[in-house]
Amino acid sequence: MALNKELIDILVCPKCKGELELLNGETGLKCSACEVVYPVKDEIPIMLVDEAIPADKWDKK
């Protein structure tokens, strides 16, 4: 089951309130302004600033 498109459209970065980009495979939501990725676990976006992963470390996964 895919992530709900309507939910993805309304989610914003909890830190800067900027737009998020859904990554390929629906594994995370990336904020380009903050350069972090919020992971998606069991089809649930984890939108906690403390759980965000730096984008450069995410790319190396």
Protein backbone atom coordinates (compact mmCIF):
# COMPACT_ATOMS: atom_id res chain seq x y z
CA MET A 1 0.00 0.00 0.00
CA ALA A 2 1.37 3.41 -0.99
CA LEU A 3 1.46 6.54 1.10
CA ASN A 4 -1.68 8.66 0.95
CA LYS A 5 -1.10 11.33 -1.75
CA GLU A 6 -3.37 13.84 0.02
CA LEU A 7 -1.34 13.46 3.22
CA ILE A 8 1.95 13.96 1.39
CA ASP A 9 0.58 17.11 -0.27
CA ILE A 10 -0.20 18.80 3.07
CA LEU A 11 2.90 17.75 5.04
CA VAL A 12 5.61 20.38 5.55
CA CYS A 13 8.98 20.30 7.26
CA PRO A 14 8.37 20.60 11.01
CA LYS A 15 11.53 22.68 11.38
CA CYS A 16 11.25 25.31 8.62
CA LYS A 17 7.70 24.70 7.30
CA GLY A 18 9.15 24.21 3.82
CA GLU A 19 8.02 21.79 1.13
CA LEU A 20 8.98 18.13 1.25
CA GLU A 21 9.97 15.86 -1.61
CA LEU A 22 8.92 12.21 -1.51
CA LEU A 23 11.99 10.10 -2.25
CA ASN A 24 12.00 7.16 -4.66
CA GLY A 25 10.63 4.03 -3.07
CA GLU A 26 8.67 6.16 -0.58
CA THR A 27 11.45 5.66 1.98
CA GLY A 28 11.63 9.24 3.16
CA LEU A 29 10.57 12.86 2.81
CA LYS A 30 13.36 15.30 2.03
CA CYS A 31 13.50 18.97 2.99
CA SER A 32 15.95 20.66 0.63
CA ALA A 33 16.06 23.83 2.75
CA CYS A 34 17.14 22.02 5.93
CA GLU A 35 19.00 19.29 4.01
CA VAL A 36 17.42 16.49 6.06
CA VAL A 37 15.28 13.44 5.35
CA TYR A 38 12.36 12.38 7.52
CA PRO A 39 12.16 8.58 7.29
CA VAL A 40 9.02 6.64 6.42
CA LYS A 41 8.58 3.52 8.54
CA ASP A 42 5.74 1.06 7.91
CA GLU A 43 4.15 3.65 5.57
CA ILE A 44 4.11 6.28 8.36
CA PRO A 45 6.16 9.46 7.93
CA ILE A 46 8.21 10.13 11.08
CA MET A 47 7.94 13.91 11.23
CA LEU A 48 10.05 14.56 14.31
CA VAL A 49 12.99 16.96 14.04
CA ASP A 50 15.03 14.71 16.34
CA GLU A 51 14.45 11.72 14.01
CA ALA A 52 15.53 13.56 10.85
CA ILE A 53 18.61 12.21 9.09
CA PRO A 54 21.07 14.55 7.36
CA ALA A 55 20.55 14.23 3.60
CA ASP A 56 24.22 13.50 2.94
CA LYS A 57 24.09 10.52 5.31
CA TRP A 58 20.80 9.33 3.82
CA ASP A 59 22.34 9.19 0.36
CA LYS A 60 25.03 6.82 1.66
CA LYS A 61 22.48 4.31 3.01
